[in-house]
Amino acid sequence: MRYIDNQDVMDGTLNLALEEYALTALDREQTYLLFYSMHPTVIVGKNQNTLEEINAEYVRAHGVVVTRRLSGGGAVYNDEGDLSFSFITKHDANSFHNYRKFTEPVIRALRDLGVPAELSGRNDILVEGKKVSGNAQFATRGRMFSHGTLLFDVNLDNVEKALRVHPEKMESKGVKSVRSRVTNIRPYLRRDMDIREFKQVLLERIFDGLPEIPTYRLTEADWQAVRDLAERRYRNWDWVYGQSPPFNVRRTRYIPGVGLLDVRLYVERGRIEQCRVYGDFFGERDVSEIEQRLLGRRYDPDDLAAALADVDLRAYFGALDRAEWLRLLY
């Protein structure tokens, strides 16, 4: 096994791209270990509805990156206090779905540090009944990775804020996240340390005290391929939002001076495929013109604003403020 040195890159999209690159482009006979942390980022599972899993207002206001990973499972919030790990190896009958095989080295290292960690259920690491790690796997073309989070010193308040779900907005056909009680690893350590030392100690224990850790050092060509992949996939709106399962949106609001507005949307691959606007408002022009404007647009606040940028909403709804209308839509 070789350790991949990611040079302490804190860009979540680059780290996910690096993980995929290592899976598909590096030596297929080798097993690799990758550690990575990142600036505040929400990562949704492959089969999830992104908009259902995030608190869209919070992540936009606080600059939280949103991306999607290749593996299934639920949405996670990562920040500088999380240390994620990934074992990249051959896909064989004894590895896929075998979370114990990949979490056991991590659990053993945590116990050596005084943390009473244990694998619970299928894929979670718990400490005194609270979750410190969720794990997921992905396989392709005879290769696979098994990766997981390690909540070392994460801002747990922001976990709840960034992942808040708005059930009144959508009836999704996607997978819902399982909310668990979580805690950080750091308070359980026998000796306090920062996350850099924590990573180094884990490496030394996982590599079982080798005098020198076998390391793969990325070339500039490797990094360029990783950057290209991050742009094509992990920063790509169509991957992050457009891959979401179809969902319905119903937003209803009474607006003084306008009346009741009831907007109903059907969104598929992140774009509005059906749109109807109901209510007891008064307008000079037919609201079907607004509905047609929205068809085919991304269900994204910036795209919705652009679709109606040159429209006088007063002609359709009376004294309706543009910002209020956009808040209603999204």
C-alpha atoms as a PDB file:
ATOM      1  CA  MET A   1       0.000   0.000   0.000  1.00  0.00           C
ATOM      2  CA  ARG A   2       1.182   3.529  -0.805  1.00  0.00           C
ATOM      3  CA  TYR A   3       0.107   6.815   0.729  1.00  0.00           C
ATOM      4  CA  ILE A   4      -0.930   9.555  -1.727  1.00  0.00           C
ATOM      5  CA  ASP A   5       0.336  12.937  -0.568  1.00  0.00           C
ATOM      6  CA  ASN A   6      -2.316  15.498  -1.609  1.00  0.00           C
ATOM      7  CA  GLN A   7      -0.068  18.356  -0.452  1.00  0.00           C
ATOM      8  CA  ASP A   8      -2.703  19.512   2.057  1.00  0.00           C
ATOM      9  CA  VAL A   9      -5.085  20.693  -0.669  1.00  0.00           C
ATOM     10  CA  MET A  10      -8.264  22.005   1.004  1.00  0.00           C
ATOM     11  CA  ASP A  11     -10.488  22.180  -2.085  1.00  0.00           C
ATOM     12  CA  GLY A  12     -13.130  19.477  -1.729  1.00  0.00           C
ATOM     13  CA  THR A  13     -13.772  19.230  -5.463  1.00  0.00           C
ATOM     14  CA  LEU A  14     -10.054  18.693  -6.122  1.00  0.00           C
ATOM     15  CA  ASN A  15      -9.832  16.030  -3.432  1.00  0.00           C
ATOM     16  CA  LEU A  16     -12.778  14.081  -4.848  1.00  0.00           C
ATOM     17  CA  ALA A  17     -11.270  14.412  -8.309  1.00  0.00           C
ATOM     18  CA  LEU A  18      -7.926  13.163  -6.973  1.00  0.00           C
ATOM     19  CA  GLU A  19      -9.662  10.161  -5.433  1.00  0.00           C
ATOM     20  CA  GLU A  20     -11.326   9.302  -8.767  1.00  0.00           C
ATOM     21  CA  TYR A  21      -8.080   9.881 -10.656  1.00  0.00           C
ATOM     22  CA  ALA A  22      -6.215   7.515  -8.341  1.00  0.00           C
ATOM     23  CA  LEU A  23      -8.970   4.944  -8.827  1.00  0.00           C
ATOM     24  CA  THR A  24      -8.890   5.008 -12.621  1.00  0.00           C
ATOM     25  CA  ALA A  25      -5.447   6.232 -13.677  1.00  0.00           C
ATOM     26  CA  LEU A  26      -2.836   5.018 -11.177  1.00  0.00           C
ATOM     27  CA  ASP A  27      -1.271   1.553 -10.980  1.00  0.00           C
ATOM     28  CA  ARG A  28      -4.147  -0.951 -10.998  1.00  0.00           C
ATOM     29  CA  GLU A  29      -2.113  -3.507  -9.052  1.00  0.00           C
ATOM     30  CA  GLN A  30      -1.428  -1.107  -6.190  1.00  0.00           C
ATOM     31  CA  THR A  31      -3.478  -0.205  -3.107  1.00  0.00           C
ATOM     32  CA  TYR A  32      -3.458   3.464  -2.100  1.00  0.00           C
ATOM     33  CA  LEU A  33      -4.417   5.413   0.999  1.00  0.00           C
ATOM     34  CA  LEU A  34      -5.549   9.008   0.667  1.00  0.00           C
ATOM     35  CA  PHE A  35      -6.275  11.481   3.473  1.00  0.00           C
ATOM     36  CA  TYR A  36      -7.926  14.845   2.808  1.00  0.00           C
ATOM     37  CA  SER A  37      -9.564  17.770   4.583  1.00  0.00           C
ATOM     38  CA  MET A  38     -11.409  20.691   3.023  1.00  0.00           C
ATOM     39  CA  HIS A  39     -12.929  24.093   3.492  1.00  0.00           C
ATOM     40  CA  PRO A  40     -16.682  24.003   4.349  1.00  0.00           C
ATOM     41  CA  THR A  41     -18.298  21.676   1.831  1.00  0.00           C
ATOM     42  CA  VAL A  42     -21.486  19.645   1.582  1.00  0.00           C
ATOM     43  CA  ILE A  43     -21.057  16.384  -0.322  1.00  0.00           C
ATOM     44  CA  VAL A  44     -24.236  14.601  -1.348  1.00  0.00           C
ATOM     45  CA  GLY A  45     -24.462  10.923  -2.215  1.00  0.00           C
ATOM     46  CA  LYS A  46     -24.665   9.788  -5.814  1.00  0.00           C
ATOM     47  CA  ASN A  47     -28.377   8.948  -5.663  1.00  0.00           C
ATOM     48  CA  GLN A  48     -29.615  11.932  -3.689  1.00  0.00           C
ATOM     49  CA  ASN A  49     -31.614  15.017  -4.549  1.00  0.00           C
ATOM     50  CA  THR A  50     -29.104  17.768  -3.832  1.00  0.00           C
ATOM     51  CA  LEU A  51     -31.657  20.494  -3.177  1.00  0.00           C
ATOM     52  CA  GLU A  52     -33.510  18.336  -0.689  1.00  0.00           C
ATOM     53  CA  GLU A  53     -30.352  17.637   1.293  1.00  0.00           C
ATOM     54  CA  ILE A  54     -28.958  21.155   1.667  1.00  0.00           C
ATOM     55  CA  ASN A  55     -30.109  24.335   3.329  1.00  0.00           C
ATOM     56  CA  ALA A  56     -29.730  26.325   0.117  1.00  0.00           C
ATOM     57  CA  GLU A  57     -30.007  29.736   1.771  1.00  0.00           C
ATOM     58  CA  TYR A  58     -27.348  28.891   4.355  1.00  0.00           C
ATOM     59  CA  VAL A  59     -24.801  27.410   1.961  1.00  0.00           C
ATOM     60  CA  ARG A  60     -25.138  30.350  -0.451  1.00  0.00           C
ATOM     61  CA  ALA A  61     -24.876  32.936   2.315  1.00  0.00           C
ATOM     62  CA  HIS A  62     -21.818  31.294   3.900  1.00  0.00           C
ATOM     63  CA  GLY A  63     -19.961  30.230   0.771  1.00  0.00           C
ATOM     64  CA  VAL A  64     -20.261  26.509   1.495  1.00  0.00           C
ATOM     65  CA  VAL A  65     -19.251  24.462  -1.556  1.00  0.00           C
ATOM     66  CA  VAL A  66     -21.779  21.868  -2.700  1.00  0.00           C
ATOM     67  CA  THR A  67     -20.718  18.854  -4.724  1.00  0.00           C
ATOM     68  CA  ARG A  68     -21.693  15.235  -5.380  1.00  0.00           C
ATOM     69  CA  ARG A  69     -19.550  12.143  -4.917  1.00  0.00           C
ATOM     70  CA  LEU A  70     -19.463   8.891  -6.880  1.00  0.00           C
ATOM     71  CA  SER A  71     -20.506   6.709  -3.955  1.00  0.00           C
ATOM     72  CA  GLY A  72     -23.985   6.319  -2.511  1.00  0.00           C
ATOM     73  CA  GLY A  73     -25.227   7.050   0.990  1.00  0.00           C
ATOM     74  CA  GLY A  74     -26.238  10.294   2.647  1.00  0.00           C
ATOM     75  CA  ALA A  75     -25.121  13.906   2.550  1.00  0.00           C
ATOM     76  CA  VAL A  76     -22.234  15.005   4.780  1.00  0.00           C
ATOM     77  CA  TYR A  77     -20.857  18.348   5.868  1.00  0.00           C
ATOM     78  CA  ASN A  78     -17.063  18.635   5.930  1.00  0.00           C
ATOM     79  CA  ASP A  79     -14.838  21.470   7.071  1.00  0.00           C
ATOM     80  CA  GLU A  80     -11.239  21.973   8.162  1.00  0.00           C
ATOM     81  CA  GLY A  81     -11.932  19.871  11.268  1.00  0.00           C
ATOM     82  CA  ASP A  82     -12.786  16.744   9.291  1.00  0.00           C
ATOM     83  CA  LEU A  83     -10.183  14.258   8.104  1.00  0.00           C
ATOM     84  CA  SER A  84     -11.528  11.968   5.389  1.00  0.00           C
ATOM     85  CA  PHE A  85      -9.781   8.756   4.365  1.00  0.00           C
ATOM     86  CA  SER A  86     -10.000   6.614   1.255  1.00  0.00           C
ATOM     87  CA  PHE A  87      -8.609   3.149   0.552  1.00  0.00           C
ATOM     88  CA  ILE A  88      -8.274   2.614  -3.209  1.00  0.00           C
ATOM     89  CA  THR A  89      -7.750  -0.987  -4.230  1.00  0.00           C
ATOM     90  CA  LYS A  90      -8.842  -3.948  -6.367  1.00  0.00           C
ATOM     91  CA  HIS A  91     -12.530  -4.775  -6.515  1.00  0.00           C
ATOM     92  CA  ASP A  92     -12.921  -8.370  -5.401  1.00  0.00           C
ATOM     93  CA  ALA A  93     -15.476 -10.569  -3.680  1.00  0.00           C
ATOM     94  CA  ASN A  94     -13.927  -9.940  -0.257  1.00  0.00           C
ATOM     95  CA  SER A  95     -13.849  -6.144  -0.432  1.00  0.00           C
ATOM     96  CA  PHE A  96     -17.025  -4.493  -1.730  1.00  0.00           C
ATOM     97  CA  HIS A  97     -19.636  -4.168   1.050  1.00  0.00           C
ATOM     98  CA  ASN A  98     -16.949  -5.281   3.502  1.00  0.00           C
ATOM     99  CA  TYR A  99     -16.693  -2.072   5.518  1.00  0.00           C
ATOM    100  CA  ARG A 100     -15.010  -3.840   8.404  1.00  0.00           C
ATOM    101  CA  LYS A 101     -11.978  -4.590   6.223  1.00  0.00           C
ATOM    102  CA  PHE A 102     -11.395  -0.888   5.578  1.00  0.00           C
ATOM    103  CA  THR A 103     -12.523   0.624   8.860  1.00  0.00           C
ATOM    104  CA  GLU A 104     -10.665  -1.820  11.103  1.00  0.00           C
ATOM    105  CA  PRO A 105      -7.221  -0.200  10.569  1.00  0.00           C
ATOM    106  CA  VAL A 106      -8.732   3.196  11.385  1.00  0.00           C
ATOM    107  CA  ILE A 107     -10.592   1.896  14.428  1.00  0.00           C
ATOM    108  CA  ARG A 108      -7.446   0.185  15.697  1.00  0.00           C
ATOM    109  CA  ALA A 109      -5.498   3.440  15.335  1.00  0.00           C
ATOM    110  CA  LEU A 110      -8.218   5.405  17.124  1.00  0.00           C
ATOM    111  CA  ARG A 111      -8.212   2.942  20.025  1.00  0.00           C
ATOM    112  CA  ASP A 112      -4.445   3.285  20.288  1.00  0.00           C
ATOM    113  CA  LEU A 113      -5.081   7.010  20.829  1.00  0.00           C
ATOM    114  CA  GLY A 114      -7.566   6.328  23.619  1.00  0.00           C
ATOM    115  CA  VAL A 115     -10.730   6.706  21.530  1.00  0.00           C
ATOM    116  CA  PRO A 116     -13.273   3.904  22.223  1.00  0.00           C
ATOM    117  CA  ALA A 117     -14.270   3.550  18.576  1.00  0.00           C
ATOM    118  CA  GLU A 118     -16.338   0.686  17.147  1.00  0.00           C
ATOM    119  CA  LEU A 119     -17.976  -0.241  13.858  1.00  0.00           C
ATOM    120  CA  SER A 120     -21.762  -0.101  14.183  1.00  0.00           C
ATOM    121  CA  GLY A 121     -24.304  -1.425  11.751  1.00  0.00           C
ATOM    122  CA  ARG A 122     -23.108  -1.565   8.188  1.00  0.00           C
ATOM    123  CA  ASN A 123     -20.851   1.441   7.755  1.00  0.00           C
ATOM    124  CA  ASP A 124     -20.618   3.827  10.743  1.00  0.00           C
ATOM    125  CA  ILE A 125     -17.869   4.263  13.321  1.00  0.00           C
ATOM    126  CA  LEU A 126     -19.286   5.243  16.709  1.00  0.00           C
ATOM    127  CA  VAL A 127     -17.790   6.549  19.927  1.00  0.00           C
ATOM    128  CA  GLU A 128     -19.971   5.994  22.976  1.00  0.00           C
ATOM    129  CA  GLY A 129     -23.008   5.640  20.737  1.00  0.00           C
ATOM    130  CA  LYS A 130     -22.336   8.802  18.712  1.00  0.00           C
ATOM    131  CA  LYS A 131     -21.262   8.852  15.088  1.00  0.00           C
ATOM    132  CA  VAL A 132     -17.746  10.043  14.227  1.00  0.00           C
ATOM    133  CA  SER A 133     -17.478   8.445  10.787  1.00  0.00           C
ATOM    134  CA  GLY A 134     -19.787   7.475   7.934  1.00  0.00           C
ATOM    135  CA  ASN A 135     -18.436   5.282   5.140  1.00  0.00           C
ATOM    136  CA  ALA A 136     -19.346   4.529   1.531  1.00  0.00           C
ATOM    137  CA  GLN A 137     -17.911   2.619  -1.424  1.00  0.00           C
ATOM    138  CA  PHE A 138     -17.718   2.820  -5.202  1.00  0.00           C
ATOM    139  CA  ALA A 139     -16.484   0.283  -7.775  1.00  0.00           C
ATOM    140  CA  THR A 140     -15.710   0.464 -11.489  1.00  0.00           C
ATOM    141  CA  ARG A 141     -13.701  -1.632 -13.952  1.00  0.00           C
ATOM    142  CA  GLY A 142     -12.163  -3.924 -11.392  1.00  0.00           C
ATOM    143  CA  ARG A 143     -11.169  -1.133  -8.995  1.00  0.00           C
ATOM    144  CA  MET A 144     -12.924   0.325  -5.954  1.00  0.00           C
ATOM    145  CA  PHE A 145     -12.554   2.772  -3.125  1.00  0.00           C
ATOM    146  CA  SER A 146     -13.902   2.665   0.396  1.00  0.00           C
ATOM    147  CA  HIS A 147     -13.944   6.110   1.966  1.00  0.00           C
ATOM    148  CA  GLY A 148     -15.179   7.720   5.143  1.00  0.00           C
ATOM    149  CA  THR A 149     -15.189  10.847   7.246  1.00  0.00           C
ATOM    150  CA  LEU A 150     -13.470  11.311  10.581  1.00  0.00           C
ATOM    151  CA  LEU A 151     -15.074  14.095  12.602  1.00  0.00           C
ATOM    152  CA  PHE A 152     -11.981  15.261  14.422  1.00  0.00           C
ATOM    153  CA  ASP A 153     -12.912  18.828  15.387  1.00  0.00           C
ATOM    154  CA  VAL A 154     -15.766  19.806  13.050  1.00  0.00           C
ATOM    155  CA  ASN A 155     -18.085  22.741  13.767  1.00  0.00           C
ATOM    156  CA  LEU A 156     -21.087  20.600  14.679  1.00  0.00           C
ATOM    157  CA  ASP A 157     -23.459  23.570  14.738  1.00  0.00           C
ATOM    158  CA  ASN A 158     -22.780  24.073  11.054  1.00  0.00           C
ATOM    159  CA  VAL A 159     -23.506  20.432  10.296  1.00  0.00           C
ATOM    160  CA  GLU A 160     -27.135  20.991  11.257  1.00  0.00           C
ATOM    161  CA  LYS A 161     -27.348  24.388   9.564  1.00  0.00           C
ATOM    162  CA  ALA A 162     -25.890  23.300   6.244  1.00  0.00           C
ATOM    163  CA  LEU A 163     -27.852  20.050   5.974  1.00  0.00           C
ATOM    164  CA  ARG A 164     -31.233  21.359   7.068  1.00  0.00           C
ATOM    165  CA  VAL A 165     -34.048  19.839   5.008  1.00  0.00           C
ATOM    166  CA  HIS A 166     -37.167  21.734   3.946  1.00  0.00           C
ATOM    167  CA  PRO A 167     -39.860  19.033   3.676  1.00  0.00           C
ATOM    168  CA  GLU A 168     -42.556  21.522   2.700  1.00  0.00           C
ATOM    169  CA  LYS A 169     -40.708  22.318  -0.515  1.00  0.00           C
ATOM    170  CA  MET A 170     -40.409  18.957  -2.190  1.00  0.00           C
ATOM    171  CA  GLU A 171     -41.731  15.455  -2.503  1.00  0.00           C
ATOM    172  CA  SER A 172     -38.623  13.755  -3.745  1.00  0.00           C
ATOM    173  CA  LYS A 173     -38.229  10.389  -5.383  1.00  0.00           C
ATOM    174  CA  GLY A 174     -34.627  10.311  -4.205  1.00  0.00           C
ATOM    175  CA  VAL A 175     -32.811   8.883  -1.201  1.00  0.00           C
ATOM    176  CA  LYS A 176     -33.135  10.755   2.082  1.00  0.00           C
ATOM    177  CA  SER A 177     -30.225  11.174   4.453  1.00  0.00           C
ATOM    178  CA  VAL A 178     -30.294   9.406   7.802  1.00  0.00           C
ATOM    179  CA  ARG A 179     -29.694  11.952  10.555  1.00  0.00           C
ATOM    180  CA  SER A 180     -27.550  10.636  13.368  1.00  0.00           C
ATOM    181  CA  ARG A 181     -26.236  12.093  16.560  1.00  0.00           C
ATOM    182  CA  VAL A 182     -22.630  13.006  15.925  1.00  0.00           C
ATOM    183  CA  THR A 183     -19.612  13.955  17.991  1.00  0.00           C
ATOM    184  CA  ASN A 184     -15.966  14.881  17.503  1.00  0.00           C
ATOM    185  CA  ILE A 185     -12.980  12.642  18.101  1.00  0.00           C
ATOM    186  CA  ARG A 186     -10.688  15.243  19.643  1.00  0.00           C
ATOM    187  CA  PRO A 187     -12.249  15.325  23.164  1.00  0.00           C
ATOM    188  CA  TYR A 188     -11.692  11.563  23.493  1.00  0.00           C
ATOM    189  CA  LEU A 189      -7.960  11.586  22.732  1.00  0.00           C
ATOM    190  CA  ARG A 190      -5.679  10.446  25.505  1.00  0.00           C
ATOM    191  CA  ARG A 191      -3.367  13.328  24.547  1.00  0.00           C
ATOM    192  CA  ASP A 192      -4.564  16.458  22.767  1.00  0.00           C
ATOM    193  CA  MET A 193      -3.212  17.208  19.299  1.00  0.00           C
ATOM    194  CA  ASP A 194      -4.183  19.197  16.224  1.00  0.00           C
ATOM    195  CA  ILE A 195      -5.500  17.633  13.025  1.00  0.00           C
ATOM    196  CA  ARG A 196      -2.092  17.594  11.305  1.00  0.00           C
ATOM    197  CA  GLU A 197      -0.546  15.564  14.096  1.00  0.00           C
ATOM    198  CA  PHE A 198      -3.659  13.391  14.205  1.00  0.00           C
ATOM    199  CA  LYS A 199      -3.236  12.541  10.510  1.00  0.00           C
ATOM    200  CA  GLN A 200       0.452  11.753  10.990  1.00  0.00           C
ATOM    201  CA  VAL A 201      -0.244   9.474  13.948  1.00  0.00           C
ATOM    202  CA  LEU A 202      -2.937   7.641  11.992  1.00  0.00           C
ATOM    203  CA  LEU A 203      -0.543   7.159   9.082  1.00  0.00           C
ATOM    204  CA  GLU A 204       2.156   5.724  11.298  1.00  0.00           C
ATOM    205  CA  ARG A 205      -0.258   3.300  12.935  1.00  0.00           C
ATOM    206  CA  ILE A 206      -1.954   2.227   9.701  1.00  0.00           C
ATOM    207  CA  PHE A 207       1.462   1.574   8.132  1.00  0.00           C
ATOM    208  CA  ASP A 208       2.353  -0.367  11.258  1.00  0.00           C
ATOM    209  CA  GLY A 209       5.430   1.513  12.329  1.00  0.00           C
ATOM    210  CA  LEU A 210       7.374   1.349   9.065  1.00  0.00           C
ATOM    211  CA  PRO A 211      10.481   3.552   9.312  1.00  0.00           C
ATOM    212  CA  GLU A 212       9.371   5.330   6.138  1.00  0.00           C
ATOM    213  CA  ILE A 213       5.833   5.519   4.778  1.00  0.00           C
ATOM    214  CA  PRO A 214       5.685   4.438   1.104  1.00  0.00           C
ATOM    215  CA  THR A 215       4.404   7.548  -0.674  1.00  0.00           C
ATOM    216  CA  TYR A 216       3.142   8.355  -4.140  1.00  0.00           C
ATOM    217  CA  ARG A 217       3.993  11.938  -5.004  1.00  0.00           C
ATOM    218  CA  LEU A 218       1.793  13.506  -7.640  1.00  0.00           C
ATOM    219  CA  THR A 219       3.464  14.956 -10.715  1.00  0.00           C
ATOM    220  CA  GLU A 220       2.358  18.170 -12.409  1.00  0.00           C
ATOM    221  CA  ALA A 221       0.774  15.999 -15.121  1.00  0.00           C
ATOM    222  CA  ASP A 222      -1.197  14.179 -12.415  1.00  0.00           C
ATOM    223  CA  TRP A 223      -2.377  17.468 -10.927  1.00  0.00           C
ATOM    224  CA  GLN A 224      -3.413  18.831 -14.314  1.00  0.00           C
ATOM    225  CA  ALA A 225      -5.524  15.737 -14.927  1.00  0.00           C
ATOM    226  CA  VAL A 226      -7.056  16.124 -11.471  1.00  0.00           C
ATOM    227  CA  ARG A 227      -7.878  19.799 -12.095  1.00  0.00           C
ATOM    228  CA  ASP A 228      -9.483  18.927 -15.426  1.00  0.00           C
ATOM    229  CA  LEU A 229     -11.586  16.211 -13.790  1.00  0.00           C
ATOM    230  CA  ALA A 230     -12.704  18.565 -11.020  1.00  0.00           C
ATOM    231  CA  GLU A 231     -13.969  21.004 -13.661  1.00  0.00           C
ATOM    232  CA  ARG A 232     -15.720  18.320 -15.717  1.00  0.00           C
ATOM    233  CA  ARG A 233     -17.450  16.637 -12.825  1.00  0.00           C
ATOM    234  CA  TYR A 234     -17.216  17.941  -9.288  1.00  0.00           C
ATOM    235  CA  ARG A 235     -17.689  21.631 -10.156  1.00  0.00           C
ATOM    236  CA  ASN A 236     -20.184  20.901 -12.920  1.00  0.00           C
ATOM    237  CA  TRP A 237     -23.742  22.046 -12.199  1.00  0.00           C
ATOM    238  CA  ASP A 238     -25.180  19.193 -14.266  1.00  0.00           C
ATOM    239  CA  TRP A 239     -23.376  16.650 -12.069  1.00  0.00           C
ATOM    240  CA  VAL A 240     -24.009  18.331  -8.730  1.00  0.00           C
ATOM    241  CA  TYR A 241     -27.650  19.337  -9.309  1.00  0.00           C
ATOM    242  CA  GLY A 242     -28.702  17.878 -12.656  1.00  0.00           C
ATOM    243  CA  GLN A 243     -28.069  14.304 -11.498  1.00  0.00           C
ATOM    244  CA  SER A 244     -30.760  14.656  -8.829  1.00  0.00           C
ATOM    245  CA  PRO A 245     -33.795  12.387  -9.134  1.00  0.00           C
ATOM    246  CA  PRO A 246     -37.022  14.045 -10.357  1.00  0.00           C
ATOM    247  CA  PHE A 247     -38.914  15.995  -7.728  1.00  0.00           C
ATOM    248  CA  ASN A 248     -41.968  18.173  -7.237  1.00  0.00           C
ATOM    249  CA  VAL A 249     -41.933  21.653  -5.743  1.00  0.00           C
ATOM    250  CA  ARG A 250     -44.971  23.388  -4.295  1.00  0.00           C
ATOM    251  CA  ARG A 251     -44.529  26.842  -2.795  1.00  0.00           C
ATOM    252  CA  THR A 252     -47.541  28.732  -1.468  1.00  0.00           C
ATOM    253  CA  ARG A 253     -47.505  32.178   0.103  1.00  0.00           C
ATOM    254  CA  TYR A 254     -49.932  34.973   0.818  1.00  0.00           C
ATOM    255  CA  ILE A 255     -48.370  38.319  -0.102  1.00  0.00           C
ATOM    256  CA  PRO A 256     -50.120  41.481   1.130  1.00  0.00           C
ATOM    257  CA  GLY A 257     -51.267  43.640  -1.747  1.00  0.00           C
ATOM    258  CA  VAL A 258     -50.925  40.754  -4.184  1.00  0.00           C
ATOM    259  CA  GLY A 259     -52.908  37.831  -2.802  1.00  0.00           C
ATOM    260  CA  LEU A 260     -52.283  34.117  -2.657  1.00  0.00           C
ATOM    261  CA  LEU A 261     -49.611  32.676  -4.936  1.00  0.00           C
ATOM    262  CA  ASP A 262     -49.316  28.928  -5.432  1.00  0.00           C
ATOM    263  CA  VAL A 263     -46.380  27.769  -7.586  1.00  0.00           C
ATOM    264  CA  ARG A 264     -46.057  24.125  -8.622  1.00  0.00           C
ATOM    265  CA  LEU A 265     -43.024  22.799 -10.456  1.00  0.00           C
ATOM    266  CA  TYR A 266     -41.855  19.444 -11.705  1.00  0.00           C
ATOM    267  CA  VAL A 267     -38.052  19.309 -11.893  1.00  0.00           C
ATOM    268  CA  GLU A 268     -36.128  16.634 -13.761  1.00  0.00           C
ATOM    269  CA  ARG A 269     -32.336  16.494 -14.101  1.00  0.00           C
ATOM    270  CA  GLY A 270     -32.272  19.802 -12.277  1.00  0.00           C
ATOM    271  CA  ARG A 271     -34.422  21.623 -14.861  1.00  0.00           C
ATOM    272  CA  ILE A 272     -38.040  22.763 -14.732  1.00  0.00           C
ATOM    273  CA  GLU A 273     -40.099  20.493 -16.982  1.00  0.00           C
ATOM    274  CA  GLN A 274     -43.547  21.576 -15.811  1.00  0.00           C
ATOM    275  CA  CYS A 275     -44.700  24.845 -14.244  1.00  0.00           C
ATOM    276  CA  ARG A 276     -48.097  26.105 -13.114  1.00  0.00           C
ATOM    277  CA  VAL A 277     -48.902  29.249 -11.143  1.00  0.00           C
ATOM    278  CA  TYR A 278     -52.226  29.479  -9.302  1.00  0.00           C
ATOM    279  CA  GLY A 279     -53.725  32.064  -6.970  1.00  0.00           C
ATOM    280  CA  ASP A 280     -56.238  34.852  -6.443  1.00  0.00           C
ATOM    281  CA  PHE A 281     -53.970  37.621  -7.708  1.00  0.00           C
ATOM    282  CA  PHE A 282     -54.953  40.130 -10.407  1.00  0.00           C
ATOM    283  CA  GLY A 283     -52.920  40.675 -13.556  1.00  0.00           C
ATOM    284  CA  GLU A 284     -53.239  42.348 -16.921  1.00  0.00           C
ATOM    285  CA  ARG A 285     -51.325  39.640 -18.777  1.00  0.00           C
ATOM    286  CA  ASP A 286     -51.721  35.861 -18.868  1.00  0.00           C
ATOM    287  CA  VAL A 287     -49.554  34.123 -16.259  1.00  0.00           C
ATOM    288  CA  SER A 288     -48.943  31.294 -18.751  1.00  0.00           C
ATOM    289  CA  GLU A 289     -46.296  33.565 -20.285  1.00  0.00           C
ATOM    290  CA  ILE A 290     -44.366  33.398 -16.991  1.00  0.00           C
ATOM    291  CA  GLU A 291     -44.788  29.639 -16.874  1.00  0.00           C
ATOM    292  CA  GLN A 292     -43.356  29.277 -20.391  1.00  0.00           C
ATOM    293  CA  ARG A 293     -40.376  31.442 -19.482  1.00  0.00           C
ATOM    294  CA  LEU A 294     -39.436  29.058 -16.679  1.00  0.00           C
ATOM    295  CA  LEU A 295     -39.682  25.824 -18.663  1.00  0.00           C
ATOM    296  CA  GLY A 296     -36.299  24.247 -19.303  1.00  0.00           C
ATOM    297  CA  ARG A 297     -34.473  26.544 -16.897  1.00  0.00           C
ATOM    298  CA  ARG A 298     -32.204  25.249 -14.158  1.00  0.00           C
ATOM    299  CA  TYR A 299     -33.835  25.153 -10.750  1.00  0.00           C
ATOM    300  CA  ASP A 300     -31.232  27.569  -9.491  1.00  0.00           C
ATOM    301  CA  PRO A 301     -31.850  31.075  -8.088  1.00  0.00           C
ATOM    302  CA  ASP A 302     -29.462  32.786 -10.496  1.00  0.00           C
ATOM    303  CA  ASP A 303     -30.953  31.055 -13.537  1.00  0.00           C
ATOM    304  CA  LEU A 304     -34.507  31.760 -12.397  1.00  0.00           C
ATOM    305  CA  ALA A 305     -33.632  35.432 -11.939  1.00  0.00           C
ATOM    306  CA  ALA A 306     -32.077  35.562 -15.420  1.00  0.00           C
ATOM    307  CA  ALA A 307     -35.160  33.968 -16.991  1.00  0.00           C
ATOM    308  CA  LEU A 308     -37.347  36.837 -15.784  1.00  0.00           C
ATOM    309  CA  ALA A 309     -34.826  39.690 -15.695  1.00  0.00           C
ATOM    310  CA  ASP A 310     -36.587  41.678 -18.426  1.00  0.00           C
ATOM    311  CA  VAL A 311     -40.150  40.893 -17.314  1.00  0.00           C
ATOM    312  CA  ASP A 312     -42.411  43.440 -15.605  1.00  0.00           C
ATOM    313  CA  LEU A 313     -43.932  41.232 -12.931  1.00  0.00           C
ATOM    314  CA  ARG A 314     -46.514  43.880 -12.075  1.00  0.00           C
ATOM    315  CA  ALA A 315     -48.267  43.125 -15.362  1.00  0.00           C
ATOM    316  CA  TYR A 316     -48.907  39.589 -14.131  1.00  0.00           C
ATOM    317  CA  PHE A 317     -49.252  39.843 -10.360  1.00  0.00           C
ATOM    318  CA  GLY A 318     -49.827  43.465  -9.402  1.00  0.00           C
ATOM    319  CA  ALA A 319     -47.549  44.995  -6.763  1.00  0.00           C
ATOM    320  CA  LEU A 320     -45.201  42.002  -6.490  1.00  0.00           C
ATOM    321  CA  ASP A 321     -41.611  42.680  -5.505  1.00  0.00           C
ATOM    322  CA  ARG A 322     -39.081  40.803  -7.689  1.00  0.00           C
ATOM    323  CA  ALA A 323     -37.091  39.579  -4.689  1.00  0.00           C
ATOM    324  CA  GLU A 324     -40.292  38.284  -3.072  1.00  0.00           C
ATOM    325  CA  TRP A 325     -41.159  36.395  -6.256  1.00  0.00           C
ATOM    326  CA  LEU A 326     -37.731  34.762  -6.402  1.00  0.00           C
ATOM    327  CA  ARG A 327     -37.963  33.774  -2.735  1.00  0.00           C
ATOM    328  CA  LEU A 328     -41.287  32.145  -3.539  1.00  0.00           C
ATOM    329  CA  LEU A 329     -39.834  30.169  -6.447  1.00  0.00           C
ATOM    330  CA  TYR A 330     -36.774  28.946  -4.578  1.00  0.00           C
END
